[in-house]
């Protein structure tokens, strides 16, 4: 498992700390969007575009990182 993690970090071109910060930021954005989507499911008049906006933002963030 440790070797797989080192390989992943090398492939990503990141240190452990860089990867921790980036992956955590993605996770928090996904968690926030998930909560907003759930609340939208309960009350359709709120967070109408939050889920799709989050998906677009995360897609761009992941695909344009250096």
N, C-alpha and C. Protein backbone atom coordinates (compact mmCIF):
# COMPACT_ATOMS: atom_id res chain seq x y z
N UNK A 1 0.82 -1.18 0.00
CA UNK A 1 0.00 0.00 0.00
C UNK A 1 0.87 1.26 0.00
N UNK A 2 1.94 1.25 0.77
CA UNK A 2 2.84 2.41 0.82
C UNK A 2 3.48 2.65 -0.54
N UNK A 3 3.89 1.56 -1.22
CA UNK A 3 4.49 1.70 -2.55
C UNK A 3 3.49 2.25 -3.56
N UNK A 4 2.23 1.79 -3.46
CA UNK A 4 1.19 2.30 -4.36
C UNK A 4 0.96 3.79 -4.13
N UNK A 5 1.00 4.22 -2.88
CA UNK A 5 0.82 5.64 -2.57
C UNK A 5 1.97 6.46 -3.12
N UNK A 6 3.19 5.98 -2.95
CA UNK A 6 4.35 6.69 -3.49
C UNK A 6 4.27 6.78 -5.01
N UNK A 7 3.83 5.70 -5.64
CA UNK A 7 3.69 5.69 -7.10
C UNK A 7 2.64 6.71 -7.54
N UNK A 8 1.53 6.75 -6.83
CA UNK A 8 0.46 7.70 -7.17
C UNK A 8 0.95 9.14 -7.03
N UNK A 9 1.66 9.43 -5.95
CA UNK A 9 2.19 10.78 -5.74
C UNK A 9 3.18 11.16 -6.84
N UNK A 10 4.00 10.21 -7.24
CA UNK A 10 4.96 10.46 -8.33
C UNK A 10 4.22 10.73 -9.63
N UNK A 11 3.22 9.92 -9.93
CA UNK A 11 2.43 10.12 -11.15
C UNK A 11 1.71 11.45 -11.14
N UNK A 12 1.25 11.88 -9.97
CA UNK A 12 0.55 13.15 -9.85
C UNK A 12 1.52 14.33 -9.82
N UNK A 13 2.79 14.05 -9.59
CA UNK A 13 3.80 15.11 -9.52
C UNK A 13 3.63 15.99 -8.30
N UNK A 14 3.22 15.37 -7.19
CA UNK A 14 2.95 16.12 -5.97
C UNK A 14 3.65 15.50 -4.78
N UNK A 15 3.95 16.35 -3.80
CA UNK A 15 4.42 15.84 -2.52
C UNK A 15 3.20 15.34 -1.75
N UNK A 16 3.46 14.67 -0.64
CA UNK A 16 2.35 14.21 0.19
C UNK A 16 1.49 15.39 0.64
N UNK A 17 2.14 16.45 1.09
CA UNK A 17 1.41 17.62 1.59
C UNK A 17 0.59 18.28 0.49
N UNK A 18 1.18 18.43 -0.69
CA UNK A 18 0.45 19.03 -1.81
C UNK A 18 -0.79 18.19 -2.14
N UNK A 19 -0.60 16.88 -2.18
CA UNK A 19 -1.71 15.98 -2.49
C UNK A 19 -2.78 16.03 -1.41
N UNK A 20 -2.36 16.08 -0.16
CA UNK A 20 -3.31 16.16 0.95
C UNK A 20 -4.17 17.41 0.83
N UNK A 21 -3.54 18.54 0.56
CA UNK A 21 -4.28 19.80 0.44
C UNK A 21 -5.23 19.77 -0.75
N UNK A 22 -4.73 19.32 -1.91
CA UNK A 22 -5.57 19.29 -3.11
C UNK A 22 -6.74 18.32 -2.95
N UNK A 23 -6.45 17.10 -2.52
CA UNK A 23 -7.50 16.09 -2.38
C UNK A 23 -8.52 16.49 -1.31
N UNK A 24 -8.04 17.10 -0.24
CA UNK A 24 -8.96 17.56 0.81
C UNK A 24 -9.87 18.68 0.31
N UNK A 25 -9.32 19.57 -0.50
CA UNK A 25 -10.15 20.65 -1.03
C UNK A 25 -11.24 20.10 -1.94
N UNK A 26 -10.91 19.09 -2.72
CA UNK A 26 -11.90 18.44 -3.59
C UNK A 26 -12.96 17.77 -2.72
N UNK A 27 -12.52 17.05 -1.70
CA UNK A 27 -13.46 16.34 -0.83
C UNK A 27 -14.43 17.30 -0.15
N UNK A 28 -13.91 18.42 0.33
CA UNK A 28 -14.79 19.39 1.02
C UNK A 28 -15.78 20.02 0.06
N UNK A 29 -15.34 20.32 -1.17
CA UNK A 29 -16.26 20.87 -2.16
C UNK A 29 -17.35 19.85 -2.52
N UNK A 30 -16.96 18.57 -2.63
CA UNK A 30 -17.94 17.53 -2.93
C UNK A 30 -18.92 17.35 -1.78
N UNK A 31 -18.42 17.41 -0.56
CA UNK A 31 -19.29 17.28 0.60
C UNK A 31 -20.30 18.42 0.65
N UNK A 32 -19.83 19.64 0.45
CA UNK A 32 -20.71 20.81 0.42
C UNK A 32 -21.77 20.65 -0.67
N UNK A 33 -21.33 20.26 -1.88
CA UNK A 33 -22.27 20.10 -2.99
C UNK A 33 -23.27 18.99 -2.71
N UNK A 34 -22.82 17.93 -2.07
CA UNK A 34 -23.72 16.83 -1.73
C UNK A 34 -24.81 17.27 -0.76
N UNK A 35 -24.42 18.06 0.22
CA UNK A 35 -25.41 18.58 1.18
C UNK A 35 -26.39 19.50 0.47
N UNK A 36 -25.87 20.35 -0.41
CA UNK A 36 -26.75 21.26 -1.15
C UNK A 36 -27.71 20.47 -2.04
N UNK A 37 -27.23 19.42 -2.68
CA UNK A 37 -28.10 18.59 -3.53
C UNK A 37 -29.18 17.90 -2.70
N UNK A 38 -28.80 17.42 -1.53
CA UNK A 38 -29.78 16.78 -0.66
C UNK A 38 -30.85 17.78 -0.22
N UNK A 39 -30.41 18.97 0.17
CA UNK A 39 -31.38 20.00 0.56
C UNK A 39 -32.26 20.40 -0.62
N UNK A 40 -31.70 20.44 -1.80
CA UNK A 40 -32.49 20.73 -3.01
C UNK A 40 -33.53 19.64 -3.24
N UNK A 41 -33.16 18.40 -2.95
CA UNK A 41 -34.13 17.30 -3.11
C UNK A 41 -35.32 17.49 -2.18
N UNK A 42 -35.05 17.99 -0.99
CA UNK A 42 -36.12 18.21 -0.02
C UNK A 42 -36.94 19.47 -0.33
N UNK A 43 -36.22 20.52 -0.75
CA UNK A 43 -36.87 21.81 -1.03
C UNK A 43 -36.39 22.27 -2.42
N UNK A 44 -37.10 21.89 -3.48
CA UNK A 44 -36.64 22.14 -4.84
C UNK A 44 -36.36 23.60 -5.20
N UNK A 45 -36.87 24.53 -4.44
CA UNK A 45 -36.66 25.94 -4.79
C UNK A 45 -35.30 26.48 -4.34
N UNK A 46 -34.52 25.69 -3.58
CA UNK A 46 -33.20 26.14 -3.14
C UNK A 46 -32.10 25.36 -3.82
N UNK A 47 -30.94 25.98 -3.95
CA UNK A 47 -29.74 25.35 -4.54
C UNK A 47 -30.03 24.71 -5.90
N UNK A 48 -30.72 25.43 -6.76
CA UNK A 48 -31.14 24.89 -8.05
C UNK A 48 -29.98 24.51 -8.96
N UNK A 49 -28.88 25.25 -8.90
CA UNK A 49 -27.76 24.96 -9.81
C UNK A 49 -26.47 24.63 -9.06
N UNK A 50 -26.53 24.52 -7.76
CA UNK A 50 -25.32 24.28 -6.97
C UNK A 50 -24.61 22.98 -7.35
N UNK A 51 -25.37 21.91 -7.52
CA UNK A 51 -24.75 20.62 -7.86
C UNK A 51 -24.05 20.64 -9.20
N UNK A 52 -24.74 21.13 -10.23
CA UNK A 52 -24.13 21.15 -11.56
C UNK A 52 -22.97 22.14 -11.61
N UNK A 53 -23.08 23.26 -10.90
CA UNK A 53 -21.97 24.21 -10.86
C UNK A 53 -20.75 23.60 -10.17
N UNK A 54 -20.98 22.86 -9.10
CA UNK A 54 -19.87 22.22 -8.39
C UNK A 54 -19.18 21.18 -9.27
N UNK A 55 -19.98 20.40 -10.00
CA UNK A 55 -19.40 19.40 -10.90
C UNK A 55 -18.53 20.06 -11.96
N UNK A 56 -19.02 21.13 -12.56
CA UNK A 56 -18.25 21.84 -13.58
C UNK A 56 -16.96 22.41 -12.99
N UNK A 57 -17.07 23.03 -11.81
CA UNK A 57 -15.90 23.62 -11.15
C UNK A 57 -14.85 22.56 -10.81
N UNK A 58 -15.31 21.44 -10.26
CA UNK A 58 -14.37 20.38 -9.90
C UNK A 58 -13.74 19.75 -11.13
N UNK A 59 -14.52 19.55 -12.17
CA UNK A 59 -13.97 19.00 -13.42
C UNK A 59 -12.85 19.90 -13.94
N UNK A 60 -13.13 21.20 -13.98
CA UNK A 60 -12.10 22.14 -14.47
C UNK A 60 -10.90 22.18 -13.55
N UNK A 61 -11.12 22.16 -12.25
CA UNK A 61 -10.01 22.21 -11.29
C UNK A 61 -9.11 20.99 -11.43
N UNK A 62 -9.71 19.82 -11.58
CA UNK A 62 -8.93 18.60 -11.70
C UNK A 62 -8.19 18.53 -13.03
N UNK A 63 -8.84 18.95 -14.10
CA UNK A 63 -8.24 18.81 -15.42
C UNK A 63 -7.30 19.92 -15.83
N UNK A 64 -7.25 21.01 -15.07
CA UNK A 64 -6.35 22.11 -15.44
C UNK A 64 -5.23 22.31 -14.44
N UNK A 65 -5.12 21.43 -13.47
CA UNK A 65 -4.05 21.61 -12.48
C UNK A 65 -2.70 21.25 -13.08
N UNK A 66 -1.69 21.88 -12.51
CA UNK A 66 -0.32 21.64 -13.00
C UNK A 66 0.33 20.51 -12.28
